[in-house]
Amino acid sequence: MDHAHDQAAADWRTALTAYRNLVSKGWDEKTVHWRYADQQDRPSTGQCGVTSAWLMAVLGEVHAVPAVYCYGDVWAVRESSEDLPDHCWLEVGDADDPDRLIVDLTCGQSSTFGEDEVLHASHSSIRSSHGVSYESVLRLGPAELDDDEVQDRLGRLVTALGPDHLPVMPERLRRFF
């Protein structure tokens, strides 16, 4: 891997906290998943799908990161950790690779992650450090995600954020304007 590629990888990972801060400004009752509308004990509760869909477009088109949208469960593999069922996140890498990268801007829904709101680490390191395992039951690429129910809420999120929220507006998000 060359230095330019290393720098590009570092840039998008460094931007994740800023992206999380930005996207959270668009969260409201129209972007939350209906099952969690009455469970807003943490700001990111019910926002995982729409946030992951938004981030997948940004990472893919702004940073050329081939992320996959995942839906599934985060299971505790040690007693001190907490399950997080029916969750969405992004993965970079093959589903069976223990070193695939997990990217989760709404991990704060679980007390397992303490005060952390952004997670980006290999599946194996998350398993050993946090005692949880991200297990997807559905993995969707950008084109497949276009047919998912999250699109209505994604449109509301993108509209709430406005067209000038990123230095480069991903084409996949431009269609909402």
C-alpha atoms as a PDB file:
ATOM      1  CA  MET A   1       0.000   0.000   0.000  1.00  0.00           C
ATOM      2  CA  ASP A   2       1.416   3.393  -0.923  1.00  0.00           C
ATOM      3  CA  HIS A   3       1.581   6.502   1.245  1.00  0.00           C
ATOM      4  CA  ALA A   4      -1.167   8.344  -0.693  1.00  0.00           C
ATOM      5  CA  HIS A   5      -3.556   5.430  -0.124  1.00  0.00           C
ATOM      6  CA  ASP A   6      -2.650   5.339   3.583  1.00  0.00           C
ATOM      7  CA  GLN A   7      -3.349   9.082   3.827  1.00  0.00           C
ATOM      8  CA  ALA A   8      -6.727   8.752   2.077  1.00  0.00           C
ATOM      9  CA  ALA A   9      -7.713   5.960   4.476  1.00  0.00           C
ATOM     10  CA  ALA A  10      -6.658   8.035   7.468  1.00  0.00           C
ATOM     11  CA  ASP A  11      -8.609  11.054   6.184  1.00  0.00           C
ATOM     12  CA  TRP A  12     -11.984   9.321   6.065  1.00  0.00           C
ATOM     13  CA  ARG A  13     -11.511   7.662   9.448  1.00  0.00           C
ATOM     14  CA  THR A  14     -10.531  11.003  10.948  1.00  0.00           C
ATOM     15  CA  ALA A  15     -13.682  12.550   9.456  1.00  0.00           C
ATOM     16  CA  LEU A  16     -16.064  10.058  11.104  1.00  0.00           C
ATOM     17  CA  THR A  17     -16.585  12.085  14.283  1.00  0.00           C
ATOM     18  CA  ALA A  18     -17.316  15.222  12.248  1.00  0.00           C
ATOM     19  CA  TYR A  19     -19.720  13.218  10.071  1.00  0.00           C
ATOM     20  CA  ARG A  20     -21.468  11.885  13.171  1.00  0.00           C
ATOM     21  CA  ASN A  21     -21.801  15.398  14.576  1.00  0.00           C
ATOM     22  CA  LEU A  22     -23.176  16.636  11.274  1.00  0.00           C
ATOM     23  CA  VAL A  23     -25.662  13.848  10.627  1.00  0.00           C
ATOM     24  CA  SER A  24     -27.015  14.016  14.187  1.00  0.00           C
ATOM     25  CA  LYS A  25     -28.197  17.573  13.451  1.00  0.00           C
ATOM     26  CA  GLY A  26     -30.719  16.094  11.005  1.00  0.00           C
ATOM     27  CA  TRP A  27     -32.118  13.441  13.364  1.00  0.00           C
ATOM     28  CA  ASP A  28     -35.717  13.959  14.376  1.00  0.00           C
ATOM     29  CA  GLU A  29     -39.038  12.139  14.657  1.00  0.00           C
ATOM     30  CA  LYS A  30     -39.161  11.824  10.848  1.00  0.00           C
ATOM     31  CA  THR A  31     -35.801  10.043  10.601  1.00  0.00           C
ATOM     32  CA  VAL A  32     -36.130   7.676  13.580  1.00  0.00           C
ATOM     33  CA  HIS A  33     -37.278   4.114  12.864  1.00  0.00           C
ATOM     34  CA  TRP A  34     -40.928   3.828  13.894  1.00  0.00           C
ATOM     35  CA  ARG A  35     -40.197   0.987  16.347  1.00  0.00           C
ATOM     36  CA  TYR A  36     -38.001   3.327  18.385  1.00  0.00           C
ATOM     37  CA  ALA A  37     -40.073   6.513  18.209  1.00  0.00           C
ATOM     38  CA  ASP A  38     -41.017   6.211  21.897  1.00  0.00           C
ATOM     39  CA  GLN A  39     -37.583   5.052  23.076  1.00  0.00           C
ATOM     40  CA  GLN A  40     -35.445   8.146  22.727  1.00  0.00           C
ATOM     41  CA  ASP A  41     -33.335   7.610  25.855  1.00  0.00           C
ATOM     42  CA  ARG A  42     -30.188   8.163  23.777  1.00  0.00           C
ATOM     43  CA  PRO A  43     -30.056  10.563  20.792  1.00  0.00           C
ATOM     44  CA  SER A  44     -28.963   7.873  18.329  1.00  0.00           C
ATOM     45  CA  THR A  45     -31.674   5.339  19.282  1.00  0.00           C
ATOM     46  CA  GLY A  46     -33.548   4.365  16.137  1.00  0.00           C
ATOM     47  CA  GLN A  47     -31.279   6.454  13.894  1.00  0.00           C
ATOM     48  CA  CYS A  48     -28.835   3.667  12.955  1.00  0.00           C
ATOM     49  CA  GLY A  49     -30.371   2.734   9.595  1.00  0.00           C
ATOM     50  CA  VAL A  50     -30.735   6.237   8.220  1.00  0.00           C
ATOM     51  CA  THR A  51     -27.300   7.228   9.540  1.00  0.00           C
ATOM     52  CA  SER A  52     -25.619   4.178   8.000  1.00  0.00           C
ATOM     53  CA  ALA A  53     -27.360   4.776   4.660  1.00  0.00           C
ATOM     54  CA  TRP A  54     -26.221   8.412   4.678  1.00  0.00           C
ATOM     55  CA  LEU A  55     -22.659   7.498   5.633  1.00  0.00           C
ATOM     56  CA  MET A  56     -22.451   4.778   2.982  1.00  0.00           C
ATOM     57  CA  ALA A  57     -23.204   7.370   0.285  1.00  0.00           C
ATOM     58  CA  VAL A  58     -20.671   9.805   1.734  1.00  0.00           C
ATOM     59  CA  LEU A  59     -17.890   7.250   2.145  1.00  0.00           C
ATOM     60  CA  GLY A  60     -18.497   5.749  -1.279  1.00  0.00           C
ATOM     61  CA  GLU A  61     -18.685   8.921  -3.302  1.00  0.00           C
ATOM     62  CA  VAL A  62     -16.526  11.352  -1.335  1.00  0.00           C
ATOM     63  CA  HIS A  63     -13.817   8.930  -0.154  1.00  0.00           C
ATOM     64  CA  ALA A  64     -14.167   5.927  -2.539  1.00  0.00           C
ATOM     65  CA  VAL A  65     -14.625   3.558   0.426  1.00  0.00           C
ATOM     66  CA  PRO A  66     -16.521   0.401  -0.638  1.00  0.00           C
ATOM     67  CA  ALA A  67     -18.708   0.138   2.473  1.00  0.00           C
ATOM     68  CA  VAL A  68     -21.621  -2.270   2.746  1.00  0.00           C
ATOM     69  CA  TYR A  69     -24.809  -1.482   4.683  1.00  0.00           C
ATOM     70  CA  CYS A  70     -25.477  -4.135   7.317  1.00  0.00           C
ATOM     71  CA  TYR A  71     -28.547  -4.985   9.324  1.00  0.00           C
ATOM     72  CA  GLY A  72     -28.408  -7.518  12.134  1.00  0.00           C
ATOM     73  CA  ASP A  73     -27.557  -7.793  15.788  1.00  0.00           C
ATOM     74  CA  VAL A  74     -24.686  -6.890  18.051  1.00  0.00           C
ATOM     75  CA  TRP A  75     -24.416  -9.809  20.463  1.00  0.00           C
ATOM     76  CA  ALA A  76     -22.629  -9.744  23.809  1.00  0.00           C
ATOM     77  CA  VAL A  77     -19.914 -12.395  23.956  1.00  0.00           C
ATOM     78  CA  ARG A  78     -19.073 -11.657  27.573  1.00  0.00           C
ATOM     79  CA  GLU A  79     -21.296 -11.018  30.556  1.00  0.00           C
ATOM     80  CA  SER A  80     -20.316  -7.383  31.081  1.00  0.00           C
ATOM     81  CA  SER A  81     -21.447  -6.392  27.583  1.00  0.00           C
ATOM     82  CA  GLU A  82     -24.931  -5.568  26.315  1.00  0.00           C
ATOM     83  CA  ASP A  83     -26.820  -6.965  23.310  1.00  0.00           C
ATOM     84  CA  LEU A  84     -27.974  -4.478  20.696  1.00  0.00           C
ATOM     85  CA  PRO A  85     -30.575  -6.255  18.543  1.00  0.00           C
ATOM     86  CA  ASP A  86     -31.979  -4.934  15.266  1.00  0.00           C
ATOM     87  CA  HIS A  87     -29.071  -2.629  14.541  1.00  0.00           C
ATOM     88  CA  CYS A  88     -27.543  -1.145  11.370  1.00  0.00           C
ATOM     89  CA  TRP A  89     -23.900  -0.291  10.645  1.00  0.00           C
ATOM     90  CA  LEU A  90     -21.366  -0.355   7.807  1.00  0.00           C
ATOM     91  CA  GLU A  91     -18.679  -2.901   7.022  1.00  0.00           C
ATOM     92  CA  VAL A  92     -15.656  -2.670   4.781  1.00  0.00           C
ATOM     93  CA  GLY A  93     -14.336  -6.074   3.778  1.00  0.00           C
ATOM     94  CA  ASP A  94     -15.629  -9.597   3.312  1.00  0.00           C
ATOM     95  CA  ALA A  95     -18.393 -10.803   5.640  1.00  0.00           C
ATOM     96  CA  ASP A  96     -16.326 -13.778   6.798  1.00  0.00           C
ATOM     97  CA  ASP A  97     -13.137 -11.809   7.435  1.00  0.00           C
ATOM     98  CA  PRO A  98     -12.603 -11.362  11.183  1.00  0.00           C
ATOM     99  CA  ASP A  99     -10.568  -8.248  10.369  1.00  0.00           C
ATOM    100  CA  ARG A 100     -13.315  -6.576   8.326  1.00  0.00           C
ATOM    101  CA  LEU A 101     -13.805  -2.999   9.425  1.00  0.00           C
ATOM    102  CA  ILE A 102     -16.947  -2.131  11.385  1.00  0.00           C
ATOM    103  CA  VAL A 103     -18.069   1.501  11.099  1.00  0.00           C
ATOM    104  CA  ASP A 104     -20.880   2.486  13.466  1.00  0.00           C
ATOM    105  CA  LEU A 105     -21.857   6.119  14.047  1.00  0.00           C
ATOM    106  CA  THR A 106     -24.675   5.114  16.399  1.00  0.00           C
ATOM    107  CA  CYS A 107     -22.879   2.663  18.693  1.00  0.00           C
ATOM    108  CA  GLY A 108     -23.851   4.962  21.570  1.00  0.00           C
ATOM    109  CA  GLN A 109     -27.216   3.183  21.639  1.00  0.00           C
ATOM    110  CA  SER A 110     -25.463   0.519  23.710  1.00  0.00           C
ATOM    111  CA  SER A 111     -23.908   1.066  27.129  1.00  0.00           C
ATOM    112  CA  THR A 112     -21.188  -1.363  26.045  1.00  0.00           C
ATOM    113  CA  PHE A 113     -19.404   1.496  24.285  1.00  0.00           C
ATOM    114  CA  GLY A 114     -19.594   3.914  27.214  1.00  0.00           C
ATOM    115  CA  GLU A 115     -19.475   7.521  26.083  1.00  0.00           C
ATOM    116  CA  ASP A 116     -18.180   6.612  22.603  1.00  0.00           C
ATOM    117  CA  GLU A 117     -20.499   7.677  19.789  1.00  0.00           C
ATOM    118  CA  VAL A 118     -18.324   6.542  16.881  1.00  0.00           C
ATOM    119  CA  LEU A 119     -16.819   3.133  16.329  1.00  0.00           C
ATOM    120  CA  HIS A 120     -14.410   2.103  13.582  1.00  0.00           C
ATOM    121  CA  ALA A 121     -12.309  -0.957  14.203  1.00  0.00           C
ATOM    122  CA  SER A 122     -11.868  -4.507  13.031  1.00  0.00           C
ATOM    123  CA  HIS A 123     -14.522  -7.000  14.017  1.00  0.00           C
ATOM    124  CA  SER A 124     -11.966  -9.090  15.889  1.00  0.00           C
ATOM    125  CA  SER A 125     -10.657  -6.139  17.897  1.00  0.00           C
ATOM    126  CA  ILE A 126     -14.207  -5.037  18.823  1.00  0.00           C
ATOM    127  CA  ARG A 127     -14.934  -8.568  19.947  1.00  0.00           C
ATOM    128  CA  SER A 128     -11.887  -8.659  22.201  1.00  0.00           C
ATOM    129  CA  SER A 129     -11.995  -5.062  23.488  1.00  0.00           C
ATOM    130  CA  HIS A 130     -15.758  -4.547  23.912  1.00  0.00           C
ATOM    131  CA  GLY A 131     -16.989  -8.125  24.225  1.00  0.00           C
ATOM    132  CA  VAL A 132     -19.528  -7.889  21.395  1.00  0.00           C
ATOM    133  CA  SER A 133     -19.866  -9.434  17.961  1.00  0.00           C
ATOM    134  CA  TYR A 134     -21.475  -7.625  15.017  1.00  0.00           C
ATOM    135  CA  GLU A 135     -23.519 -10.275  13.165  1.00  0.00           C
ATOM    136  CA  SER A 136     -25.264  -9.172   9.978  1.00  0.00           C
ATOM    137  CA  VAL A 137     -28.294 -10.943   8.575  1.00  0.00           C
ATOM    138  CA  LEU A 138     -28.478  -8.562   5.611  1.00  0.00           C
ATOM    139  CA  ARG A 139     -25.663  -6.883   3.664  1.00  0.00           C
ATOM    140  CA  LEU A 140     -26.570  -4.380   0.948  1.00  0.00           C
ATOM    141  CA  GLY A 141     -24.499  -2.473  -1.555  1.00  0.00           C
ATOM    142  CA  PRO A 142     -25.512   1.023  -2.720  1.00  0.00           C
ATOM    143  CA  ALA A 143     -27.784  -0.131  -5.560  1.00  0.00           C
ATOM    144  CA  GLU A 144     -29.510  -2.732  -3.374  1.00  0.00           C
ATOM    145  CA  LEU A 145     -30.052  -0.172  -0.625  1.00  0.00           C
ATOM    146  CA  ASP A 146     -31.986   2.023  -3.081  1.00  0.00           C
ATOM    147  CA  ASP A 147     -34.899  -0.434  -2.719  1.00  0.00           C
ATOM    148  CA  ASP A 148     -34.788  -0.566   1.085  1.00  0.00           C
ATOM    149  CA  GLU A 149     -37.399   0.989   3.377  1.00  0.00           C
ATOM    150  CA  VAL A 150     -34.733   3.296   4.823  1.00  0.00           C
ATOM    151  CA  GLN A 151     -34.892   5.487   1.695  1.00  0.00           C
ATOM    152  CA  ASP A 152     -37.898   7.533   2.846  1.00  0.00           C
ATOM    153  CA  ARG A 153     -36.176   8.405   6.120  1.00  0.00           C
ATOM    154  CA  LEU A 154     -32.900   9.023   4.288  1.00  0.00           C
ATOM    155  CA  GLY A 155     -34.645  11.566   2.080  1.00  0.00           C
ATOM    156  CA  ARG A 156     -35.985  13.330   5.160  1.00  0.00           C
ATOM    157  CA  LEU A 157     -32.524  13.361   6.750  1.00  0.00           C
ATOM    158  CA  VAL A 158     -30.801  14.711   3.646  1.00  0.00           C
ATOM    159  CA  THR A 159     -33.468  17.385   3.232  1.00  0.00           C
ATOM    160  CA  ALA A 160     -33.156  18.399   6.897  1.00  0.00           C
ATOM    161  CA  LEU A 161     -29.393  18.734   6.571  1.00  0.00           C
ATOM    162  CA  GLY A 162     -29.681  20.777   3.385  1.00  0.00           C
ATOM    163  CA  PRO A 163     -27.771  20.541   0.108  1.00  0.00           C
ATOM    164  CA  ASP A 164     -24.652  22.341   1.332  1.00  0.00           C
ATOM    165  CA  HIS A 165     -23.761  20.116   4.278  1.00  0.00           C
ATOM    166  CA  LEU A 166     -20.766  18.468   2.575  1.00  0.00           C
ATOM    167  CA  PRO A 167     -17.895  19.845   0.495  1.00  0.00           C
ATOM    168  CA  VAL A 168     -18.966  17.380  -2.210  1.00  0.00           C
ATOM    169  CA  MET A 169     -22.590  16.285  -2.421  1.00  0.00           C
ATOM    170  CA  PRO A 170     -22.741  12.572  -3.281  1.00  0.00           C
ATOM    171  CA  GLU A 171     -24.881  11.913  -6.345  1.00  0.00           C
ATOM    172  CA  ARG A 172     -26.810   9.256  -4.407  1.00  0.00           C
ATOM    173  CA  LEU A 173     -27.973  11.983  -2.010  1.00  0.00           C
ATOM    174  CA  ARG A 174     -28.449  14.762  -4.591  1.00  0.00           C
ATOM    175  CA  ARG A 175     -31.585  13.047  -5.872  1.00  0.00           C
ATOM    176  CA  PHE A 176     -33.471  14.165  -2.759  1.00  0.00           C
ATOM    177  CA  PHE A 177     -33.328  17.818  -3.882  1.00  0.00           C
END
